[in-house]
């Protein structure tokens, strides 16, 4: 599976992860620049995995938590709109 070719979207997800790791202080700007170049040149999953292999895995639940918070906010707004419409 590591020999499978990657898409531009796959490469950009790794670049975004490198940005977060740099912001967290795990990478210097020089390391970031080098790794972005390697990520953008990656042809396979193995190539991409090597770019971030020494960095801690990012919690996948973080994006789920943001999605859940967004959905709850939208439901709350819909409920308030319904109350306003029915209260007229």
Protein backbone atom coordinates (compact mmCIF):
# COMPACT_ATOMS: atom_id res chain seq x y z
CA UNK A 1 0.00 0.00 0.00
CA UNK A 2 2.92 2.39 0.63
CA UNK A 3 3.78 2.25 -3.07
CA UNK A 4 0.45 3.79 -4.06
CA UNK A 5 0.72 7.14 -5.77
CA UNK A 6 -0.50 10.23 -3.94
CA UNK A 7 -2.66 13.11 -5.12
CA UNK A 8 -2.11 16.84 -4.81
CA UNK A 9 -4.71 16.84 -2.01
CA UNK A 10 -2.64 14.24 -0.11
CA UNK A 11 0.45 16.41 -0.49
CA UNK A 12 -1.40 19.52 0.72
CA UNK A 13 -2.69 17.67 3.81
CA UNK A 14 0.91 16.88 4.74
CA UNK A 15 1.96 20.49 4.12
CA UNK A 16 -0.87 21.66 6.40
CA UNK A 17 0.30 19.20 9.08
CA UNK A 18 3.85 20.52 8.73
CA UNK A 19 2.52 24.06 9.23
CA UNK A 20 0.83 22.98 12.47
CA UNK A 21 4.00 21.22 13.69
CA UNK A 22 6.06 24.31 12.88
CA UNK A 23 3.60 26.54 14.74
CA UNK A 24 3.87 24.18 17.72
CA UNK A 25 7.66 24.60 17.70
CA UNK A 26 8.54 21.09 16.56
CA UNK A 27 10.20 22.25 13.32
CA UNK A 28 12.43 25.18 12.50
CA UNK A 29 11.64 27.27 9.44
CA UNK A 30 14.54 25.62 7.58
CA UNK A 31 13.22 22.14 8.44
CA UNK A 32 9.73 23.21 7.43
CA UNK A 33 10.96 24.49 4.08
CA UNK A 34 12.93 21.32 3.40
CA UNK A 35 10.02 19.05 4.33
CA UNK A 36 7.50 21.03 2.28
CA UNK A 37 9.75 20.58 -0.74
CA UNK A 38 9.95 16.84 -0.09
CA UNK A 39 6.18 16.61 0.44
CA UNK A 40 5.42 18.43 -2.79
CA UNK A 41 7.85 16.18 -4.68
CA UNK A 42 6.46 12.97 -3.13
CA UNK A 43 5.13 10.43 -5.59
CA UNK A 44 4.03 7.63 -3.22
CA UNK A 45 2.53 7.21 0.24
CA UNK A 46 5.92 5.97 1.42
CA UNK A 47 7.55 9.22 0.26
CA UNK A 48 4.95 11.25 2.17
CA UNK A 49 5.19 9.11 5.29
CA UNK A 50 8.95 9.70 5.45
CA UNK A 51 8.37 13.48 5.60
CA UNK A 52 6.48 13.24 8.92
CA UNK A 53 7.74 9.93 10.34
CA UNK A 54 9.58 11.56 13.27
CA UNK A 55 6.69 13.83 14.27
CA UNK A 56 3.92 12.89 16.70
CA UNK A 57 0.62 11.87 15.17
CA UNK A 58 -2.02 14.56 15.24
CA UNK A 59 -5.24 13.67 17.01
CA UNK A 60 -7.93 12.89 14.44
CA UNK A 61 -10.59 13.70 17.02
CA UNK A 62 -9.68 17.39 16.81
CA UNK A 63 -11.37 17.80 13.43
CA UNK A 64 -14.34 15.76 14.63
CA UNK A 65 -14.70 18.02 17.65
CA UNK A 66 -14.71 21.09 15.42
CA UNK A 67 -17.33 19.53 13.17
CA UNK A 68 -19.49 18.60 16.16
CA UNK A 69 -19.19 22.13 17.58
CA UNK A 70 -20.17 23.60 14.21
CA UNK A 71 -23.19 21.29 13.90
CA UNK A 72 -24.33 22.11 17.44
CA UNK A 73 -24.01 25.83 16.71
CA UNK A 74 -26.06 25.45 13.53
CA UNK A 75 -28.77 23.47 15.37
CA UNK A 76 -28.89 26.14 18.07
CA UNK A 77 -29.26 28.89 15.48
CA UNK A 78 -32.00 26.94 13.69
CA UNK A 79 -33.81 26.44 17.00
CA UNK A 80 -33.59 30.12 17.85
CA UNK A 81 -34.86 31.06 14.39
CA UNK A 82 -37.80 28.71 14.84
CA UNK A 83 -38.62 30.25 18.23
CA UNK A 84 -38.49 33.73 16.72
CA UNK A 85 -40.73 32.78 13.80
CA UNK A 86 -43.28 31.00 16.01
CA UNK A 87 -43.22 33.79 18.58
CA UNK A 88 -44.47 36.41 16.11
